[in-house]
Structures are given as structure tokens and as C-alpha cells.
Amino acid sequence: MLENEVTRLVIKRHPLIYLAGLVRLFIAVVFYLLSQNANSAQPFWDNWAVIEWYRDIVSEYFGAGFGIPALWVSLAILAVAVWFFIKAVSRLLHPLTLRDEVTNYRLTNRSGLLFQRKQELYLRSVDGVLLEQSLIGKLMNTGTLKVIGRGDSSITLAYVLHYDETKDAFDHLLLKEPSL
């Protein structure tokens, strides 16, 4: 930040941003429980019609005792659970690293824990601010602000809390005459 630069607006995110991570965490727990059940004496899929059909075909062509071991199925399900868990942790940590602020000269969007990303858009080069809001966003008073600059530059701010008040404050900063 420059020595004469002052933070005018800090953009806050809605807690709804954590929903995708929580859904993935729930799916990971379900797959983990399924993998634990697959190691039991009678796996959960043992009485499915498709499995009966598979056993009939395999025993007809290859003989009895030929099939996929339950341990392999359990490990495959566990691998899917681990993948969903890693994605869930990633989606839950990402919002904690978001830092969006508007100073008297620029809009700054920072994100990342290990690999950091920083986007800046000078207020003088902003052409407009777009609002996007879904039905759930309308009910939760959250929305997406897309700040469009000159050329191809733009910054998208998703799950902005009180997006209409934030846009009004941002417009006020944009339309104010810059001090020289």
C-alpha cells in the first residue's frame, strides 16, 4: 500500500461461501462410512440385484470364487472419500484467505494460503460494476459483484454480504472526484 493510500471499504463475504465445502465434507464422511461397511462380514452391496446378476455371470464363465475382493472395493471407496475430504478442506480454507478492500486508489483482491494471488484494479480504470444475484442470494442478501475495468481486466467478488450496500459504497468511491 502506498504511503498516502487509505482503506475506504473492506468487502465482507457471506457464510454461505462455506456451503460447497461442507457438502463435500458430508460426502466424504458418507463414503468413509461406506468403506468401513465394505470391510464388514457382509458388505452393504451383498444383496443388490446387480451383484447377484454379476455373480451368476462370473460363476457361469469363470467358476466360483472369481470376483473382486471386498477389500479392493473398500480401498476404492476410501480413495474417493479421501479425495472428497481434500477437496472439502480446500473449499473450507479458501474463504479464510480472501481479503478484498477498496482504497482511495484501487480495488485489491487477494487470495491463497500457499500459492497467493493478488488482483488490483485502479479506480480510475473502472468502467462499471455488475450485480448478479440468484434466488437464494436474494433470500440471503448476498450476491456477486463483477467490477469491470478497461480492456480485459475484471475482478469478480462472489458471496458478497449486503451486496447492495457494498455496491452503493463502491459507487460512491468511484464517482467521487479523485484528490490530486
Protein backbone atom coordinates (compact mmCIF):
# COMPACT_ATOMS: atom_id res chain seq x y z
CA MET A 1 0.00 0.00 0.00
CA LEU A 2 1.24 3.46 -0.81
CA GLU A 3 2.04 5.91 1.97
CA ASN A 4 -0.90 8.20 1.17
CA GLU A 5 -3.31 5.33 0.46
CA VAL A 6 -6.18 4.76 2.90
CA THR A 7 -8.55 1.80 3.12
CA ARG A 8 -12.07 3.04 2.43
CA LEU A 9 -14.07 -0.19 2.23
CA VAL A 10 -13.46 -3.78 3.35
CA ILE A 11 -15.67 -6.24 1.49
CA LYS A 12 -17.15 -8.99 3.67
CA ARG A 13 -18.27 -12.42 2.47
CA HIS A 14 -21.47 -14.27 3.37
CA PRO A 15 -21.12 -17.51 5.40
CA LEU A 16 -22.91 -19.24 2.51
CA ILE A 17 -19.48 -19.39 0.85
CA TYR A 18 -18.69 -22.36 3.12
CA LEU A 19 -21.64 -24.41 1.82
CA ALA A 20 -19.75 -26.14 -1.02
CA GLY A 21 -17.01 -27.23 1.37
CA LEU A 22 -19.50 -28.53 3.92
CA VAL A 23 -21.35 -30.53 1.25
CA ARG A 24 -18.07 -32.11 0.12
CA LEU A 25 -17.19 -32.88 3.74
CA PHE A 26 -20.57 -34.59 4.21
CA ILE A 27 -19.99 -36.67 1.04
CA ALA A 28 -16.52 -37.62 2.30
CA VAL A 29 -17.97 -38.84 5.60
CA VAL A 30 -20.64 -40.88 3.77
CA PHE A 31 -18.00 -42.53 1.55
CA TYR A 32 -15.80 -43.20 4.59
CA LEU A 33 -18.69 -44.93 6.37
CA LEU A 34 -19.43 -46.95 3.22
CA SER A 35 -15.79 -48.04 3.02
CA GLN A 36 -15.91 -49.17 6.64
CA ASN A 37 -19.10 -51.13 5.94
CA ALA A 38 -17.44 -52.75 2.91
CA ASN A 39 -14.91 -54.40 5.26
CA SER A 40 -17.63 -55.99 7.40
CA ALA A 41 -18.58 -59.69 7.21
CA GLN A 42 -21.49 -58.91 4.89
CA PRO A 43 -20.85 -55.80 2.75
CA PHE A 44 -23.69 -53.38 2.09
CA TRP A 45 -23.90 -54.35 -1.58
CA ASP A 46 -24.19 -58.08 -0.93
CA ASN A 47 -27.96 -58.32 -1.52
CA TRP A 48 -28.24 -55.97 -4.51
CA ALA A 49 -29.82 -57.45 -7.65
CA VAL A 50 -26.93 -56.23 -9.82
CA ILE A 51 -24.44 -58.08 -7.62
CA GLU A 52 -26.49 -61.27 -7.86
CA TRP A 53 -26.53 -60.92 -11.64
CA TYR A 54 -22.75 -60.29 -11.66
CA ARG A 55 -22.12 -63.37 -9.51
CA ASP A 56 -24.24 -65.56 -11.79
CA ILE A 57 -22.38 -64.41 -14.91
CA VAL A 58 -18.92 -64.70 -13.33
CA SER A 59 -19.59 -68.14 -11.84
CA GLU A 60 -21.01 -69.35 -15.17
CA TYR A 61 -17.98 -68.30 -17.22
CA PHE A 62 -15.09 -68.32 -14.76
CA GLY A 63 -16.17 -70.62 -11.95
CA ALA A 64 -16.98 -69.97 -8.33
CA GLY A 65 -14.68 -67.83 -6.25
CA PHE A 66 -13.72 -65.44 -9.04
CA GLY A 67 -14.57 -61.83 -8.35
CA ILE A 68 -13.40 -58.57 -6.90
CA PRO A 69 -12.33 -58.81 -3.25
CA ALA A 70 -14.28 -56.66 -0.80
CA LEU A 71 -11.01 -55.14 0.41
CA TRP A 72 -10.32 -53.70 -3.04
CA VAL A 73 -13.80 -52.19 -3.20
CA SER A 74 -13.32 -50.81 0.29
CA LEU A 75 -9.99 -49.22 -0.67
CA ALA A 76 -11.50 -47.71 -3.83
CA ILE A 77 -14.36 -46.20 -1.82
CA LEU A 78 -11.86 -44.96 0.77
CA ALA A 79 -9.81 -43.30 -2.01
CA VAL A 80 -12.94 -41.47 -3.18
CA ALA A 81 -13.61 -40.41 0.44
CA VAL A 82 -10.05 -39.07 0.79
CA TRP A 83 -10.40 -37.16 -2.50
CA PHE A 84 -13.66 -35.55 -1.33
CA PHE A 85 -12.08 -34.75 2.05
CA ILE A 86 -9.12 -32.98 0.42
CA LYS A 87 -11.49 -31.00 -1.82
CA ALA A 88 -13.64 -30.13 1.22
CA VAL A 89 -10.66 -28.85 3.21
CA SER A 90 -9.55 -26.82 0.21
CA ARG A 91 -13.04 -25.29 -0.21
CA LEU A 92 -13.30 -24.55 3.52
CA LEU A 93 -9.87 -22.91 3.77
CA HIS A 94 -10.15 -20.80 0.61
CA PRO A 95 -12.71 -18.30 2.02
CA LEU A 96 -10.49 -17.77 5.05
CA THR A 97 -7.74 -16.46 2.78
CA LEU A 98 -9.89 -13.97 0.85
CA ARG A 99 -9.07 -10.32 1.50
CA ASP A 100 -10.88 -7.69 -0.55
CA GLU A 101 -10.52 -4.00 0.09
CA VAL A 102 -11.09 -0.73 -1.67
CA THR A 103 -8.64 2.08 -1.03
CA ASN A 104 -8.81 5.61 -2.32
CA TYR A 105 -6.82 4.49 -5.41
CA ARG A 106 -7.58 0.84 -6.16
CA LEU A 107 -9.58 -2.32 -5.56
CA THR A 108 -7.45 -5.19 -4.28
CA ASN A 109 -8.46 -8.86 -4.27
CA ARG A 110 -6.08 -11.26 -2.52
CA SER A 111 -6.49 -14.98 -2.02
CA GLY A 112 -4.43 -18.05 -1.30
CA LEU A 113 -2.58 -19.69 1.54
CA LEU A 114 0.34 -21.47 -0.11
CA PHE A 115 0.00 -20.01 -3.59
CA GLN A 116 -1.09 -16.41 -3.33
CA ARG A 117 -2.94 -14.48 -5.99
CA LYS A 118 -3.39 -10.74 -5.98
CA GLN A 119 -5.56 -8.76 -8.39
CA GLU A 120 -5.58 -4.99 -8.48
CA LEU A 121 -7.79 -2.65 -10.40
CA TYR A 122 -7.23 1.08 -10.18
CA LEU A 123 -10.39 3.05 -9.54
CA ARG A 124 -9.63 5.37 -12.44
CA SER A 125 -9.80 2.44 -14.85
CA VAL A 126 -13.14 1.02 -13.63
CA ASP A 127 -15.81 1.12 -16.33
CA GLY A 128 -18.67 -0.39 -14.34
CA VAL A 129 -19.92 -2.69 -11.64
CA LEU A 130 -22.30 -5.55 -12.46
CA LEU A 131 -24.57 -7.22 -9.93
CA GLU A 132 -25.60 -10.85 -10.16
CA GLN A 133 -27.96 -12.46 -7.70
CA SER A 134 -29.70 -15.83 -7.59
CA LEU A 135 -32.96 -16.61 -5.83
CA ILE A 136 -31.11 -17.99 -2.81
CA GLY A 137 -28.84 -14.95 -2.90
CA LYS A 138 -31.91 -12.73 -2.80
CA LEU A 139 -33.21 -14.59 0.25
CA MET A 140 -29.81 -14.50 1.99
CA ASN A 141 -28.95 -10.91 1.00
CA THR A 142 -25.83 -11.96 -0.86
CA GLY A 143 -24.71 -11.52 -4.43
CA THR A 144 -21.82 -11.37 -6.84
CA LEU A 145 -20.16 -8.09 -7.79
CA LYS A 146 -18.20 -8.01 -11.02
CA VAL A 147 -16.01 -4.93 -11.30
CA ILE A 148 -15.11 -4.35 -14.95
CA GLY A 149 -12.10 -2.30 -15.91
CA ARG A 150 -10.72 -1.10 -19.20
CA GLY A 151 -9.64 -3.79 -21.63
CA ASP A 152 -10.00 -7.36 -20.42
CA SER A 153 -9.45 -6.64 -16.74
CA SER A 154 -12.18 -7.51 -14.28
CA ILE A 155 -12.47 -8.70 -10.70
CA THR A 156 -15.31 -10.97 -9.59
CA LEU A 157 -16.31 -10.91 -5.93
CA ALA A 158 -18.64 -13.81 -5.08
CA TYR A 159 -20.86 -14.17 -2.00
CA VAL A 160 -20.60 -10.50 -1.02
CA LEU A 161 -22.54 -9.84 2.18
CA HIS A 162 -25.01 -6.93 1.88
CA TYR A 163 -24.03 -6.61 -1.77
CA ASP A 164 -26.35 -3.66 -2.45
CA GLU A 165 -24.87 -1.55 0.36
CA THR A 166 -21.38 -2.59 -0.74
CA LYS A 167 -22.14 -1.58 -4.33
CA ASP A 168 -23.52 1.78 -3.18
CA ALA A 169 -20.39 2.44 -1.11
CA PHE A 170 -18.21 1.37 -4.03
CA ASP A 171 -20.14 3.61 -6.44
CA HIS A 172 -19.73 6.50 -4.02
CA LEU A 173 -15.96 5.97 -4.07
CA LEU A 174 -15.93 5.71 -7.87
CA LEU A 175 -17.98 8.81 -8.53
CA LYS A 176 -16.11 10.95 -6.03
CA GLU A 177 -13.59 13.32 -7.61
CA PRO A 178 -10.06 11.99 -7.05
CA SER A 179 -7.87 14.15 -4.87
CA LEU A 180 -4.64 15.28 -6.55
